[in-house]
Structures are given as C-alpha cells and as structure tokens.
C-alpha cells in the first residue's frame, strides 16, 4: 500500500475560537467522510504525520475577513513498510 508523509514548513491562518474562521482539515482517506486527522488554524505549525491510507482529502476553509500567509507543506510517497526519512 502507498502512504504519505506530510511535513508542514509554514502555517499561519486566522486564529478563531474552535478554528471557526479559517482552517485546514485533513482526512485520512478519499473524502470528508474519512477519519479526520486534524483541524488546524492559527500560527502553530502542525506536526508531521504519516497517512494510514493511500489517499488524503484536504479542506481549506476561509471566511475572507482577514488575509494571512496560509500554509506550505512537503509530502513524500512511500510503500508501507519502507523507512521514510
């Protein structure tokens, strides 16, 4: 099975209570009904992680009330069982 390693290099979105303004949500699978890996907002850079499936689904939501940098990340594909550096 192919999996992914994601590492965020920058993250800065509007920070609201419970991430209601701007956020990035990542799902461990092909749709938003897959298990959620997390809902991220503000300026704390999320920790890197490995997927548990061969697909990821991203939702980026903004309320357009303020402008921030957004986010950037790197990703690697690997076959499950391989070491990922």
PDB file of N, CA and C in Angstrom:
ATOM      1  N   UNK A   1       0.840  -1.188   0.000  1.00  0.00           N
ATOM      2  CA  UNK A   1       0.000   0.000   0.000  1.00  0.00           C
ATOM      3  C   UNK A   1       0.882   1.247   0.000  1.00  0.00           C
ATOM      4  N   UNK A   2       0.497   2.232  -0.766  1.00  0.00           N
ATOM      5  CA  UNK A   2       1.190   3.516  -0.781  1.00  0.00           C
ATOM      6  C   UNK A   2       0.630   4.372   0.350  1.00  0.00           C
ATOM      7  N   UNK A   3       1.509   5.087   1.018  1.00  0.00           N
ATOM      8  CA  UNK A   3       1.102   6.004   2.084  1.00  0.00           C
ATOM      9  C   UNK A   3       1.860   7.319   1.886  1.00  0.00           C
ATOM     10  N   UNK A   4       1.587   8.300   2.730  1.00  0.00           N
ATOM     11  CA  UNK A   4       2.177   9.624   2.610  1.00  0.00           C
ATOM     12  C   UNK A   4       2.805  10.061   3.920  1.00  0.00           C
ATOM     13  N   UNK A   5       3.881  10.818   3.811  1.00  0.00           N
ATOM     14  CA  UNK A   5       4.466  11.529   4.941  1.00  0.00           C
ATOM     15  C   UNK A   5       4.265  13.006   4.647  1.00  0.00           C
ATOM     16  N   UNK A   6       3.564  13.728   5.519  1.00  0.00           N
ATOM     17  CA  UNK A   6       3.351  15.173   5.364  1.00  0.00           C
ATOM     18  C   UNK A   6       4.141  15.912   6.426  1.00  0.00           C
ATOM     19  N   UNK A   7       4.809  16.977   6.010  1.00  0.00           N
ATOM     20  CA  UNK A   7       5.521  17.849   6.940  1.00  0.00           C
ATOM     21  C   UNK A   7       5.213  19.292   6.571  1.00  0.00           C
ATOM     22  N   UNK A   8       4.704  20.053   7.517  1.00  0.00           N
ATOM     23  CA  UNK A   8       4.394  21.456   7.279  1.00  0.00           C
ATOM     24  C   UNK A   8       5.657  22.283   7.452  1.00  0.00           C
ATOM     25  N   UNK A   9       5.914  23.182   6.503  1.00  0.00           N
ATOM     26  CA  UNK A   9       7.067  24.068   6.585  1.00  0.00           C
ATOM     27  C   UNK A   9       6.659  25.469   7.031  1.00  0.00           C
ATOM     28  N   UNK A  10       5.373  25.782   6.922  1.00  0.00           N
ATOM     29  CA  UNK A  10       4.857  27.072   7.368  1.00  0.00           C
ATOM     30  C   UNK A  10       3.348  26.930   7.574  1.00  0.00           C
ATOM     31  N   UNK A  11       2.837  27.637   8.559  1.00  0.00           N
ATOM     32  CA  UNK A  11       1.391  27.613   8.795  1.00  0.00           C
ATOM     33  C   UNK A  11       0.999  28.896   9.506  1.00  0.00           C
ATOM     34  N   UNK A  12       0.114  29.671   8.882  1.00  0.00           N
ATOM     35  CA  UNK A  12      -0.347  30.906   9.514  1.00  0.00           C
ATOM     36  C   UNK A  12      -1.692  31.302   8.907  1.00  0.00           C
ATOM     37  N   UNK A  13      -2.764  31.012   9.628  1.00  0.00           N
ATOM     38  CA  UNK A  13      -4.114  31.378   9.209  1.00  0.00           C
ATOM     39  C   UNK A  13      -4.766  32.164  10.344  1.00  0.00           C
ATOM     40  N   UNK A  14      -5.906  32.735  10.068  1.00  0.00           N
ATOM     41  CA  UNK A  14      -6.638  33.459  11.103  1.00  0.00           C
ATOM     42  C   UNK A  14      -6.949  32.503  12.255  1.00  0.00           C
ATOM     43  N   UNK A  15      -6.781  32.995  13.466  1.00  0.00           N
ATOM     44  CA  UNK A  15      -6.987  32.167  14.654  1.00  0.00           C
ATOM     45  C   UNK A  15      -8.273  32.593  15.355  1.00  0.00           C
ATOM     46  N   UNK A  16      -9.273  31.745  15.318  1.00  0.00           N
ATOM     47  CA  UNK A  16     -10.551  31.994  15.989  1.00  0.00           C
ATOM     48  C   UNK A  16     -10.855  30.841  16.939  1.00  0.00           C
ATOM     49  N   UNK A  17     -11.753  31.065  17.862  1.00  0.00           N
ATOM     50  CA  UNK A  17     -12.179  30.017  18.779  1.00  0.00           C
ATOM     51  C   UNK A  17     -12.660  28.803  18.000  1.00  0.00           C
ATOM     52  N   UNK A  18     -12.138  27.640  18.363  1.00  0.00           N
ATOM     53  CA  UNK A  18     -12.510  26.352  17.753  1.00  0.00           C
ATOM     54  C   UNK A  18     -12.276  26.325  16.241  1.00  0.00           C
ATOM     55  N   UNK A  19     -11.326  27.138  15.760  1.00  0.00           N
ATOM     56  CA  UNK A  19     -10.971  27.167  14.320  1.00  0.00           C
ATOM     57  C   UNK A  19     -12.188  27.408  13.427  1.00  0.00           C
ATOM     58  N   UNK A  20     -13.047  28.344  13.809  1.00  0.00           N
ATOM     59  CA  UNK A  20     -14.263  28.597  13.029  1.00  0.00           C
ATOM     60  C   UNK A  20     -14.057  29.587  11.878  1.00  0.00           C
ATOM     61  N   UNK A  21     -12.969  30.377  11.883  1.00  0.00           N
ATOM     62  CA  UNK A  21     -12.769  31.387  10.827  1.00  0.00           C
ATOM     63  C   UNK A  21     -12.084  30.782   9.604  1.00  0.00           C
ATOM     64  N   UNK A  22     -10.799  30.504   9.720  1.00  0.00           N
ATOM     65  CA  UNK A  22     -10.014  29.884   8.650  1.00  0.00           C
ATOM     66  C   UNK A  22      -9.393  28.616   9.208  1.00  0.00           C
ATOM     67  N   UNK A  23      -9.424  27.542   8.429  1.00  0.00           N
ATOM     68  CA  UNK A  23      -8.796  26.314   8.910  1.00  0.00           C
ATOM     69  C   UNK A  23      -8.470  25.377   7.759  1.00  0.00           C
ATOM     70  N   UNK A  24      -7.573  24.466   8.043  1.00  0.00           N
ATOM     71  CA  UNK A  24      -7.259  23.355   7.153  1.00  0.00           C
ATOM     72  C   UNK A  24      -7.633  22.086   7.895  1.00  0.00           C
ATOM     73  N   UNK A  25      -8.468  21.262   7.285  1.00  0.00           N
ATOM     74  CA  UNK A  25      -8.792  19.961   7.871  1.00  0.00           C
ATOM     75  C   UNK A  25      -8.299  18.892   6.909  1.00  0.00           C
ATOM     76  N   UNK A  26      -7.675  17.859   7.470  1.00  0.00           N
ATOM     77  CA  UNK A  26      -7.119  16.772   6.668  1.00  0.00           C
ATOM     78  C   UNK A  26      -7.794  15.473   7.084  1.00  0.00           C
ATOM     79  N   UNK A  27      -8.216  14.717   6.094  1.00  0.00           N
ATOM     80  CA  UNK A  27      -8.886  13.437   6.321  1.00  0.00           C
ATOM     81  C   UNK A  27      -8.012  12.297   5.814  1.00  0.00           C
ATOM     82  N   UNK A  28      -8.002  11.210   6.556  1.00  0.00           N
ATOM     83  CA  UNK A  28      -7.183  10.046   6.235  1.00  0.00           C
ATOM     84  C   UNK A  28      -7.958   9.107   5.308  1.00  0.00           C
ATOM     85  N   UNK A  29      -8.145   9.535   4.077  1.00  0.00           N
ATOM     86  CA  UNK A  29      -8.892   8.755   3.105  1.00  0.00           C
ATOM     87  C   UNK A  29      -9.345   9.630   1.953  1.00  0.00           C
ATOM     88  N   UNK A  30     -10.220   9.119   1.085  1.00  0.00           N
ATOM     89  CA  UNK A  30     -10.566   9.808  -0.159  1.00  0.00           C
ATOM     90  C   UNK A  30     -11.677  10.861  -0.069  1.00  0.00           C
ATOM     91  N   UNK A  31     -12.267  11.082   1.114  1.00  0.00           N
ATOM     92  CA  UNK A  31     -13.379  12.038   1.196  1.00  0.00           C
ATOM     93  C   UNK A  31     -13.478  12.633   2.596  1.00  0.00           C
ATOM     94  N   UNK A  32     -14.382  13.604   2.746  1.00  0.00           N
ATOM     95  CA  UNK A  32     -14.565  14.217   4.066  1.00  0.00           C
ATOM     96  C   UNK A  32     -15.381  13.341   5.007  1.00  0.00           C
ATOM     97  N   UNK A  33     -15.759  12.159   4.574  1.00  0.00           N
ATOM     98  CA  UNK A  33     -16.368  11.197   5.498  1.00  0.00           C
ATOM     99  C   UNK A  33     -15.326  10.214   6.037  1.00  0.00           C
ATOM    100  N   UNK A  34     -14.078  10.337   5.571  1.00  0.00           N
ATOM    101  CA  UNK A  34     -12.970   9.535   6.110  1.00  0.00           C
ATOM    102  C   UNK A  34     -12.606  10.072   7.492  1.00  0.00           C
ATOM    103  N   UNK A  35     -11.857   9.304   8.297  1.00  0.00           N
ATOM    104  CA  UNK A  35     -11.462   9.794   9.625  1.00  0.00           C
ATOM    105  C   UNK A  35     -10.643  11.088   9.531  1.00  0.00           C
ATOM    106  N   UNK A  36     -10.958  12.046  10.377  1.00  0.00           N
ATOM    107  CA  UNK A  36     -10.233  13.317  10.390  1.00  0.00           C
ATOM    108  C   UNK A  36      -8.897  13.148  11.102  1.00  0.00           C
ATOM    109  N   UNK A  37      -7.842  13.624  10.455  1.00  0.00           N
ATOM    110  CA  UNK A  37      -6.517  13.638  11.081  1.00  0.00           C
ATOM    111  C   UNK A  37      -6.418  14.844  12.004  1.00  0.00           C
ATOM    112  N   UNK A  38      -7.016  15.950  11.597  1.00  0.00           N
ATOM    113  CA  UNK A  38      -6.989  17.135  12.437  1.00  0.00           C
ATOM    114  C   UNK A  38      -7.542  18.353  11.732  1.00  0.00           C
ATOM    115  N   UNK A  39      -7.869  19.347  12.534  1.00  0.00           N
ATOM    116  CA  UNK A  39      -8.387  20.630  12.093  1.00  0.00           C
ATOM    117  C   UNK A  39      -7.388  21.664  12.596  1.00  0.00           C
ATOM    118  N   UNK A  40      -6.725  22.400  11.700  1.00  0.00           N
ATOM    119  CA  UNK A  40      -5.599  23.246  12.069  1.00  0.00           C
ATOM    120  C   UNK A  40      -5.882  24.700  11.721  1.00  0.00           C
ATOM    121  N   UNK A  41      -5.500  25.608  12.646  1.00  0.00           N
ATOM    122  CA  UNK A  41      -5.647  27.041  12.402  1.00  0.00           C
ATOM    123  C   UNK A  41      -4.647  27.791  13.272  1.00  0.00           C
ATOM    124  N   UNK A  42      -4.543  29.103  13.023  1.00  0.00           N
ATOM    125  CA  UNK A  42      -3.648  29.933  13.817  1.00  0.00           C
ATOM    126  C   UNK A  42      -2.225  29.887  13.303  1.00  0.00           C
ATOM    127  N   UNK A  43      -1.263  30.048  14.213  1.00  0.00           N
ATOM    128  CA  UNK A  43       0.138  30.131  13.810  1.00  0.00           C
ATOM    129  C   UNK A  43       0.987  28.968  14.303  1.00  0.00           C
ATOM    130  N   UNK A  44       0.403  28.021  14.992  1.00  0.00           N
ATOM    131  CA  UNK A  44       1.166  26.850  15.448  1.00  0.00           C
ATOM    132  C   UNK A  44       1.303  25.875  14.278  1.00  0.00           C
ATOM    133  N   UNK A  45       2.531  25.604  13.868  1.00  0.00           N
ATOM    134  CA  UNK A  45       2.772  24.690  12.755  1.00  0.00           C
ATOM    135  C   UNK A  45       2.427  23.270  13.179  1.00  0.00           C
ATOM    136  N   UNK A  46       1.509  22.612  12.450  1.00  0.00           N
ATOM    137  CA  UNK A  46       1.145  21.232  12.809  1.00  0.00           C
ATOM    138  C   UNK A  46       2.345  20.292  12.707  1.00  0.00           C
ATOM    139  N   UNK A  47       2.365  19.284  13.548  1.00  0.00           N
ATOM    140  CA  UNK A  47       3.416  18.266  13.482  1.00  0.00           C
ATOM    141  C   UNK A  47       3.233  17.433  12.229  1.00  0.00           C
ATOM    142  N   UNK A  48       4.325  16.880  11.730  1.00  0.00           N
ATOM    143  CA  UNK A  48       4.255  15.994  10.577  1.00  0.00           C
ATOM    144  C   UNK A  48       3.567  14.685  10.947  1.00  0.00           C
ATOM    145  N   UNK A  49       3.095  13.977   9.959  1.00  0.00           N
ATOM    146  CA  UNK A  49       2.446  12.692  10.217  1.00  0.00           C
ATOM    147  C   UNK A  49       2.498  11.817   8.978  1.00  0.00           C
ATOM    148  N   UNK A  50       2.239  10.533   9.179  1.00  0.00           N
ATOM    149  CA  UNK A  50       2.116   9.561   8.098  1.00  0.00           C
ATOM    150  C   UNK A  50       0.655   9.172   7.958  1.00  0.00           C
ATOM    151  N   UNK A  51       0.213   9.052   6.725  1.00  0.00           N
ATOM    152  CA  UNK A  51      -1.166   8.621   6.489  1.00  0.00           C
ATOM    153  C   UNK A  51      -1.305   7.138   6.801  1.00  0.00           C
ATOM    154  N   UNK A  52      -2.519   6.722   7.043  1.00  0.00           N
ATOM    155  CA  UNK A  52      -2.828   5.310   7.266  1.00  0.00           C
ATOM    156  C   UNK A  52      -3.567   4.724   6.067  1.00  0.00           C
ATOM    157  N   UNK A  53      -3.618   5.478   4.970  1.00  0.00           N
ATOM    158  CA  UNK A  53      -4.294   5.002   3.764  1.00  0.00           C
ATOM    159  C   UNK A  53      -3.537   5.523   2.549  1.00  0.00           C
ATOM    160  N   UNK A  54      -3.985   5.126   1.366  1.00  0.00           N
ATOM    161  CA  UNK A  54      -3.295   5.553   0.154  1.00  0.00           C
ATOM    162  C   UNK A  54      -3.879   6.835  -0.442  1.00  0.00           C
ATOM    163  N   UNK A  55      -4.709   7.541   0.324  1.00  0.00           N
ATOM    164  CA  UNK A  55      -5.232   8.824  -0.135  1.00  0.00           C
ATOM    165  C   UNK A  55      -5.479   9.745   1.056  1.00  0.00           C
ATOM    166  N   UNK A  56      -5.412  11.036   0.790  1.00  0.00           N
ATOM    167  CA  UNK A  56      -5.721  12.068   1.778  1.00  0.00           C
ATOM    168  C   UNK A  56      -6.695  13.047   1.134  1.00  0.00           C
ATOM    169  N   UNK A  57      -7.533  13.659   1.957  1.00  0.00           N
ATOM    170  CA  UNK A  57      -8.507  14.633   1.479  1.00  0.00           C
ATOM    171  C   UNK A  57      -8.308  15.905   2.298  1.00  0.00           C
ATOM    172  N   UNK A  58      -8.141  17.046   1.617  1.00  0.00           N
ATOM    173  CA  UNK A  58      -7.881  18.319   2.276  1.00  0.00           C
ATOM    174  C   UNK A  58      -9.069  19.257   2.085  1.00  0.00           C
ATOM    175  N   UNK A  59      -9.431  19.963   3.160  1.00  0.00           N
ATOM    176  CA  UNK A  59     -10.442  21.020   3.082  1.00  0.00           C
ATOM    177  C   UNK A  59      -9.813  22.276   3.672  1.00  0.00           C
ATOM    178  N   UNK A  60      -9.725  23.336   2.865  1.00  0.00           N
ATOM    179  CA  UNK A  60      -9.271  24.628   3.373  1.00  0.00           C
ATOM    180  C   UNK A  60     -10.458  25.571   3.316  1.00  0.00           C
ATOM    181  N   UNK A  61     -10.826  26.112   4.468  1.00  0.00           N
ATOM    182  CA  UNK A  61     -11.993  26.993   4.572  1.00  0.00           C
ATOM    183  C   UNK A  61     -11.540  28.363   5.057  1.00  0.00           C
ATOM    184  N   UNK A  62     -12.070  29.406   4.449  1.00  0.00           N
ATOM    185  CA  UNK A  62     -11.789  30.760   4.899  1.00  0.00           C
ATOM    186  C   UNK A  62     -13.082  31.569   4.928  1.00  0.00           C
ATOM    187  N   UNK A  63     -13.141  32.526   5.846  1.00  0.00           N
ATOM    188  CA  UNK A  63     -14.311  33.406   5.908  1.00  0.00           C
ATOM    189  C   UNK A  63     -14.041  34.746   5.218  1.00  0.00           C
ATOM    190  N   UNK A  64     -12.856  34.917   4.651  1.00  0.00           N
ATOM    191  CA  UNK A  64     -12.482  36.115   3.892  1.00  0.00           C
ATOM    192  C   UNK A  64     -12.421  37.395   4.722  1.00  0.00           C
ATOM    193  N   UNK A  65     -12.445  37.300   6.043  1.00  0.00           N
ATOM    194  CA  UNK A  65     -12.449  38.521   6.855  1.00  0.00           C
ATOM    195  C   UNK A  65     -11.051  39.083   7.095  1.00  0.00           C
ATOM    196  N   UNK A  66     -10.018  38.278   6.893  1.00  0.00           N
ATOM    197  CA  UNK A  66      -8.641  38.724   7.090  1.00  0.00           C
ATOM    198  C   UNK A  66      -7.742  37.922   6.149  1.00  0.00           C
ATOM    199  N   UNK A  67      -6.556  38.471   5.871  1.00  0.00           N
ATOM    200  CA  UNK A  67      -5.623  37.798   4.973  1.00  0.00           C
ATOM    201  C   UNK A  67      -4.364  37.411   5.736  1.00  0.00           C
ATOM    202  N   UNK A  68      -4.025  36.140   5.688  1.00  0.00           N
ATOM    203  CA  UNK A  68      -2.814  35.615   6.311  1.00  0.00           C
ATOM    204  C   UNK A  68      -2.047  34.820   5.262  1.00  0.00           C
ATOM    205  N   UNK A  69      -0.840  34.374   5.604  1.00  0.00           N
ATOM    206  CA  UNK A  69       0.027  33.653   4.664  1.00  0.00           C
ATOM    207  C   UNK A  69      -0.566  32.357   4.152  1.00  0.00           C
ATOM    208  N   UNK A  70      -1.269  31.644   5.000  1.00  0.00           N
ATOM    209  CA  UNK A  70      -1.762  30.317   4.629  1.00  0.00           C
ATOM    210  C   UNK A  70      -0.820  29.241   5.132  1.00  0.00           C
ATOM    211  N   UNK A  71      -0.494  28.286   4.275  1.00  0.00           N
ATOM    212  CA  UNK A  71       0.363  27.186   4.715  1.00  0.00           C
ATOM    213  C   UNK A  71       1.160  26.641   3.546  1.00  0.00           C
ATOM    214  N   UNK A  72       2.239  25.965   3.874  1.00  0.00           N
ATOM    215  CA  UNK A  72       3.002  25.204   2.882  1.00  0.00           C
ATOM    216  C   UNK A  72       3.449  23.916   3.547  1.00  0.00           C
ATOM    217  N   UNK A  73       3.583  22.887   2.736  1.00  0.00           N
ATOM    218  CA  UNK A  73       3.981  21.587   3.263  1.00  0.00           C
ATOM    219  C   UNK A  73       4.747  20.824   2.202  1.00  0.00           C
ATOM    220  N   UNK A  74       5.478  19.841   2.652  1.00  0.00           N
ATOM    221  CA  UNK A  74       6.125  18.896   1.751  1.00  0.00           C
ATOM    222  C   UNK A  74       5.477  17.543   1.973  1.00  0.00           C
ATOM    223  N   UNK A  75       5.555  16.694   0.967  1.00  0.00           N
ATOM    224  CA  UNK A  75       4.992  15.355   1.111  1.00  0.00           C
ATOM    225  C   UNK A  75       5.870  14.350   0.384  1.00  0.00           C
ATOM    226  N   UNK A  76       5.872  13.144   0.895  1.00  0.00           N
ATOM    227  CA  UNK A  76       6.592  12.023   0.299  1.00  0.00           C
ATOM    228  C   UNK A  76       5.630  10.866   0.145  1.00  0.00           C
ATOM    229  N   UNK A  77       5.761  10.142  -0.949  1.00  0.00           N
ATOM    230  CA  UNK A  77       5.022   8.893  -1.143  1.00  0.00           C
ATOM    231  C   UNK A  77       5.953   7.757  -0.766  1.00  0.00           C
ATOM    232  N   UNK A  78       5.445   6.740  -0.141  1.00  0.00           N
ATOM    233  CA  UNK A  78       6.258   5.559   0.124  1.00  0.00           C
ATOM    234  C   UNK A  78       5.367   4.338   0.220  1.00  0.00           C
ATOM    235  N   UNK A  79       5.984   3.191   0.016  1.00  0.00           N
ATOM    236  CA  UNK A  79       5.269   1.931   0.155  1.00  0.00           C
ATOM    237  C   UNK A  79       5.287   1.550   1.616  1.00  0.00           C
ATOM    238  N   UNK A  80       4.133   1.196   2.158  1.00  0.00           N
ATOM    239  CA  UNK A  80       4.030   0.832   3.575  1.00  0.00           C
ATOM    240  C   UNK A  80       5.088  -0.210   3.894  1.00  0.00           C
ATOM    241  N   UNK A  81       5.832   0.013   4.953  1.00  0.00           N
ATOM    242  CA  UNK A  81       6.911  -0.881   5.338  1.00  0.00           C
ATOM    243  C   UNK A  81       8.274  -0.292   5.017  1.00  0.00           C
ATOM    244  N   UNK A  82       8.347   0.679   4.082  1.00  0.00           N
ATOM    245  CA  UNK A  82       9.602   1.357   3.792  1.00  0.00           C
ATOM    246  C   UNK A  82       9.882   2.370   4.889  1.00  0.00           C
ATOM    247  N   UNK A  83      11.146   2.639   5.112  1.00  0.00           N
ATOM    248  CA  UNK A  83      11.506   3.720   6.029  1.00  0.00           C
ATOM    249  C   UNK A  83      11.354   5.034   5.295  1.00  0.00           C
ATOM    250  N   UNK A  84      10.831   6.003   5.953  1.00  0.00           N
ATOM    251  CA  UNK A  84      10.644   7.327   5.373  1.00  0.00           C
ATOM    252  C   UNK A  84      11.498   8.299   6.170  1.00  0.00           C
ATOM    253  N   UNK A  85      12.404   8.987   5.514  1.00  0.00           N
ATOM    254  CA  UNK A  85      13.302   9.910   6.212  1.00  0.00           C
ATOM    255  C   UNK A  85      12.704  11.280   6.297  1.00  0.00           C
TER     256      UNK A  85
END
